[in-house]
Amino acid sequence: MLISACESRDSAPRAEEDPSAVADASGSYTVDRKTGEVRATHTDAEGVTTTLASGERVDPGLPAPFTLPRGATVIRATRVEQGKGRLVTVEFTSDMGVAELADFYRKLAKSSGFDLTSDFPGESGAILAGRKTAGAMTFTLQAKPQDSGTDAQITVGQGIG
């Protein structure tokens, strides 16, 4: 009884007791065992908090002007927020072909003031990347054809990354 009375009883779960939830003074990390969704928070020595959410049901929250094309199906979204900055990666499928999807994002980027830094179209896939100095935004798109449409990943950063 004396040994158990001396044992520390903090409120944070221990990794060996519940590996899906870990917390310490600077942050926390959880994994939803049913969905696989990951959430993490960390506050650095300067007091800046960084949050991460990743999973099938995470709201992509792409920074404007970026959006997913009509009919796109989100496979997984990862969103990192740090101070006022945001970095979002969305894996999705589309019934658009690779060239059509690349053109959708090329037009969107150019009409919004982005300079394209990479534009590699091709039958086996496409890669686009761009930068907009005002607002410190960047984006990359990778797309590859599938039997019925396109698998793609877009990453948009604003003030981070």
Protein backbone atom coordinates (compact mmCIF):
# COMPACT_ATOMS: atom_id res chain seq x y z
CA MET A 1 0.00 0.00 0.00
CA LEU A 2 2.84 2.40 0.76
CA ILE A 3 4.35 1.91 -2.69
CA SER A 4 1.05 2.61 -4.43
CA ALA A 5 0.55 5.75 -2.31
CA CYS A 6 3.92 7.09 -3.51
CA GLU A 7 3.17 6.45 -7.18
CA SER A 8 2.74 9.57 -9.34
CA ARG A 9 -0.80 10.05 -10.67
CA ASP A 10 -0.65 12.51 -13.53
CA SER A 11 -3.68 13.05 -15.78
CA ALA A 12 -1.86 12.31 -19.04
CA PRO A 13 -2.15 8.72 -20.23
CA ARG A 14 1.07 6.78 -20.44
CA ALA A 15 2.15 5.41 -23.80
CA GLU A 16 2.42 1.90 -22.36
CA GLU A 17 -1.16 2.12 -21.03
CA ASP A 18 -2.73 3.74 -24.12
CA PRO A 19 -0.40 4.16 -27.11
CA SER A 20 -3.07 6.14 -28.97
CA ALA A 21 -2.80 9.13 -26.63
CA VAL A 22 0.37 10.80 -25.42
CA ALA A 23 0.65 14.19 -23.75
CA ASP A 24 3.33 16.24 -22.07
CA ALA A 25 3.80 19.87 -21.09
CA SER A 26 4.51 21.00 -24.68
CA GLY A 27 1.85 19.06 -26.57
CA SER A 28 -0.24 16.00 -27.25
CA TYR A 29 -0.69 13.27 -29.84
CA THR A 30 -3.75 11.07 -30.39
CA VAL A 31 -4.74 8.37 -32.86
CA ASP A 32 -8.38 7.39 -33.27
CA ARG A 33 -8.24 3.59 -33.30
CA LYS A 34 -11.42 3.28 -35.39
CA THR A 35 -10.65 5.82 -38.13
CA GLY A 36 -6.86 6.09 -37.96
CA GLU A 37 -7.20 9.87 -37.71
CA VAL A 38 -4.17 11.52 -36.14
CA ARG A 39 -4.23 14.77 -34.17
CA ALA A 40 -1.23 16.45 -32.60
CA THR A 41 -0.50 19.75 -30.89
CA HIS A 42 2.86 21.22 -29.92
CA THR A 43 3.79 24.55 -28.37
CA ASP A 44 7.41 25.60 -28.79
CA ALA A 45 9.60 27.59 -26.38
CA GLU A 46 8.46 30.88 -27.97
CA GLY A 47 4.81 29.99 -27.35
CA VAL A 48 3.91 29.27 -31.00
CA THR A 49 1.41 26.44 -31.26
CA THR A 50 1.47 23.99 -34.15
CA THR A 51 -1.47 21.66 -34.75
CA LEU A 52 -1.77 18.70 -37.09
CA ALA A 53 -4.84 16.75 -38.17
CA SER A 54 -4.66 13.91 -40.69
CA GLY A 55 -7.20 11.36 -41.84
CA GLU A 56 -10.08 10.45 -44.11
CA ARG A 57 -12.58 12.71 -42.36
CA VAL A 58 -10.36 15.75 -41.73
CA ASP A 59 -11.78 18.89 -43.35
CA PRO A 60 -9.23 19.83 -46.05
CA GLY A 61 -9.79 23.57 -45.57
CA LEU A 62 -7.73 24.49 -48.64
CA PRO A 63 -6.68 28.15 -48.54
CA ALA A 64 -8.48 30.30 -51.14
CA PRO A 65 -8.38 30.40 -54.09
CA PHE A 66 -7.74 26.65 -54.14
CA THR A 67 -10.61 24.22 -54.19
CA LEU A 68 -11.19 20.64 -55.22
CA PRO A 69 -12.75 20.09 -58.64
CA ARG A 70 -16.43 19.22 -58.87
CA GLY A 71 -17.01 15.53 -58.14
CA ALA A 72 -13.65 14.96 -56.42
CA THR A 73 -13.51 12.33 -53.67
CA VAL A 74 -11.17 13.02 -50.75
CA ILE A 75 -9.06 10.02 -49.76
CA ARG A 76 -7.12 11.73 -46.97
CA ALA A 77 -6.39 15.27 -45.84
CA THR A 78 -3.54 16.52 -43.70
CA ARG A 79 -3.75 20.02 -42.26
CA VAL A 80 -0.96 21.72 -40.31
CA GLU A 81 -1.51 25.13 -38.74
CA GLN A 82 1.27 27.12 -37.10
CA GLY A 83 0.51 30.58 -35.81
CA LYS A 84 -1.20 32.26 -38.79
CA GLY A 85 0.33 29.84 -41.31
CA ARG A 86 -1.32 26.80 -42.84
CA LEU A 87 -0.12 23.83 -44.90
CA VAL A 88 -2.73 21.50 -46.36
CA THR A 89 -2.22 18.29 -48.36
CA VAL A 90 -5.23 16.58 -49.90
CA GLU A 91 -5.13 13.20 -51.62
CA PHE A 92 -8.16 12.78 -53.88
CA THR A 93 -9.61 11.10 -56.94
CA SER A 94 -11.35 12.83 -59.80
CA ASP A 95 -13.25 11.65 -62.85
CA MET A 96 -11.31 14.27 -64.84
CA GLY A 97 -8.40 13.10 -66.95
CA VAL A 98 -4.86 14.13 -65.96
CA ALA A 99 -4.62 16.87 -68.62
CA GLU A 100 -8.05 18.28 -67.71
CA LEU A 101 -7.24 18.28 -63.98
CA ALA A 102 -3.84 19.94 -64.56
CA ASP A 103 -5.54 22.56 -66.75
CA PHE A 104 -8.14 23.21 -64.01
CA TYR A 105 -5.37 24.05 -61.51
CA ARG A 106 -3.17 25.84 -64.07
CA LYS A 107 -6.03 28.24 -64.92
CA LEU A 108 -6.97 28.69 -61.26
CA ALA A 109 -3.37 29.50 -60.29
CA LYS A 110 -2.70 31.88 -63.18
CA SER A 111 -5.98 33.76 -62.71
CA SER A 112 -5.10 34.20 -59.01
CA GLY A 113 -1.66 35.71 -59.61
CA PHE A 114 0.54 32.64 -59.12
CA ASP A 115 3.77 32.22 -61.06
CA LEU A 116 4.14 28.62 -62.23
CA THR A 117 7.56 27.34 -61.21
CA SER A 118 7.04 23.82 -62.60
CA ASP A 119 4.65 22.57 -65.25
CA PHE A 120 5.31 19.02 -66.42
CA PRO A 121 2.35 17.59 -68.33
CA GLY A 122 2.51 14.04 -69.64
CA GLU A 123 0.56 10.91 -70.41
CA SER A 124 1.91 9.12 -67.34
CA GLY A 125 1.05 12.03 -65.05
CA ALA A 126 1.44 15.72 -64.42
CA ILE A 127 3.21 17.93 -61.92
CA LEU A 128 2.42 21.61 -61.36
CA ALA A 129 3.92 23.96 -58.82
CA GLY A 130 3.62 27.65 -58.25
CA ARG A 131 4.29 30.54 -55.96
CA LYS A 132 2.54 33.79 -55.15
CA THR A 133 4.72 36.30 -53.37
CA ALA A 134 1.77 38.30 -52.03
CA GLY A 135 0.46 36.25 -49.12
CA ALA A 136 3.47 33.91 -49.19
CA MET A 137 1.54 31.07 -50.85
CA THR A 138 2.82 28.00 -52.67
CA PHE A 139 1.14 25.00 -54.24
CA THR A 140 2.06 21.70 -55.83
CA LEU A 141 -0.11 19.24 -57.70
CA GLN A 142 0.78 15.69 -58.63
CA ALA A 143 -1.65 13.72 -60.77
CA LYS A 144 -1.53 10.27 -62.33
CA PRO A 145 -4.06 8.45 -64.47
CA GLN A 146 -6.10 5.52 -63.21
CA ASP A 147 -8.56 3.22 -64.98
CA SER A 148 -11.44 5.60 -64.34
CA GLY A 149 -10.11 9.10 -63.79
CA THR A 150 -7.15 10.48 -61.90
CA ASP A 151 -5.47 10.05 -58.53
CA ALA A 152 -4.06 13.36 -57.33
CA GLN A 153 -2.45 15.15 -54.44
CA ILE A 154 -2.44 18.90 -53.93
CA THR A 155 -0.45 20.72 -51.29
CA VAL A 156 -1.08 24.39 -50.53
CA GLY A 157 1.02 26.38 -48.09
CA GLN A 158 0.34 29.84 -46.79
CA GLY A 159 2.88 31.44 -44.47
CA ILE A 160 4.39 28.06 -43.58
CA GLY A 161 6.64 25.48 -45.24
